[in-house]
């Protein structure tokens, strides 16, 4: 399941990232902040308008925002 479709009320572990679906600079930025295989994330909230973009995530002690297009490239499993 991708992070985009994951339930907001549960933590998840990233099991894979489709780096080919992301622009090179976007992939580098996500890796630099720690969004890579093995990381644990929690969706805090989603955007409120039609696209529900962006997603606010808890990653360690950080709160980050990612676009839904990026979240679609991230495979997760529930914890």
Protein backbone atom coordinates (compact mmCIF):
# COMPACT_ATOMS: atom_id res chain seq x y z
CA UNK A 1 0.00 0.00 0.00
CA UNK A 2 1.26 3.49 -0.72
CA UNK A 3 1.54 6.25 1.85
CA UNK A 4 -1.04 8.23 -0.12
CA UNK A 5 -3.75 5.66 0.63
CA UNK A 6 -2.66 4.71 4.14
CA UNK A 7 -4.95 5.15 7.16
CA UNK A 8 -4.29 8.39 9.00
CA UNK A 9 -4.77 6.91 12.47
CA UNK A 10 -1.89 4.38 12.49
CA UNK A 11 1.91 4.50 12.28
CA UNK A 12 3.65 2.91 9.30
CA UNK A 13 7.09 1.74 8.22
CA UNK A 14 8.43 2.57 4.78
CA UNK A 15 9.21 -0.68 2.96
CA UNK A 16 10.10 0.74 -0.45
CA UNK A 17 10.36 3.90 -2.49
CA UNK A 18 9.88 4.08 -6.25
CA UNK A 19 12.74 6.51 -6.85
CA UNK A 20 12.17 6.35 -10.63
CA UNK A 21 8.75 8.00 -10.12
CA UNK A 22 10.40 11.06 -8.53
CA UNK A 23 12.58 13.74 -10.04
CA UNK A 24 16.23 13.31 -9.04
CA UNK A 25 16.33 16.46 -6.90
CA UNK A 26 13.09 15.48 -5.14
CA UNK A 27 14.50 12.04 -4.33
CA UNK A 28 17.68 13.58 -2.92
CA UNK A 29 15.65 15.92 -0.72
CA UNK A 30 13.49 13.08 0.64
CA UNK A 31 16.55 10.95 1.40
CA UNK A 32 18.29 13.90 3.08
CA UNK A 33 15.44 14.32 5.56
CA UNK A 34 15.32 10.58 6.27
CA UNK A 35 12.33 9.47 4.23
CA UNK A 36 13.76 6.15 3.07
CA UNK A 37 13.24 2.42 3.59
CA UNK A 38 12.95 1.45 7.25
CA UNK A 39 11.80 4.88 8.47
CA UNK A 40 8.67 5.05 10.61
CA UNK A 41 6.08 7.68 9.72
CA UNK A 42 2.71 8.82 11.01
CA UNK A 43 0.26 10.88 8.95
CA UNK A 44 -0.75 13.86 11.08
CA UNK A 45 -3.22 15.34 8.60
CA UNK A 46 -4.00 15.84 4.94
CA UNK A 47 -4.80 18.98 3.03
CA UNK A 48 -8.43 19.99 3.22
CA UNK A 49 -9.19 20.97 -0.36
CA UNK A 50 -10.11 18.71 -3.29
CA UNK A 51 -6.63 17.30 -3.83
CA UNK A 52 -5.99 16.68 -0.10
CA UNK A 53 -2.48 17.89 -0.78
CA UNK A 54 -0.03 18.06 1.02
CA UNK A 55 0.27 15.38 3.70
CA UNK A 56 1.79 16.36 7.03
CA UNK A 57 3.92 13.53 8.42
CA UNK A 58 5.67 12.86 11.69
CA UNK A 59 9.12 11.46 10.92
CA UNK A 60 11.13 10.96 14.09
CA UNK A 61 11.00 14.31 15.91
CA UNK A 62 10.19 16.26 12.74
CA UNK A 63 6.96 17.29 11.13
CA UNK A 64 7.30 17.42 7.36
CA UNK A 65 4.98 18.00 4.42
CA UNK A 66 5.06 15.88 1.28
CA UNK A 67 3.05 16.12 -1.90
CA UNK A 68 0.58 13.37 -2.71
CA UNK A 69 2.61 12.60 -5.84
CA UNK A 70 5.57 11.81 -3.58
CA UNK A 71 3.40 9.82 -1.16
CA UNK A 72 2.21 7.65 -4.09
CA UNK A 73 5.83 6.57 -4.67
CA UNK A 74 6.31 5.43 -1.06
CA UNK A 75 5.26 1.89 -0.11
CA UNK A 76 4.39 1.37 3.57
CA UNK A 77 3.28 -1.36 5.96
CA UNK A 78 1.33 -0.85 9.18
CA UNK A 79 3.15 -1.11 12.51
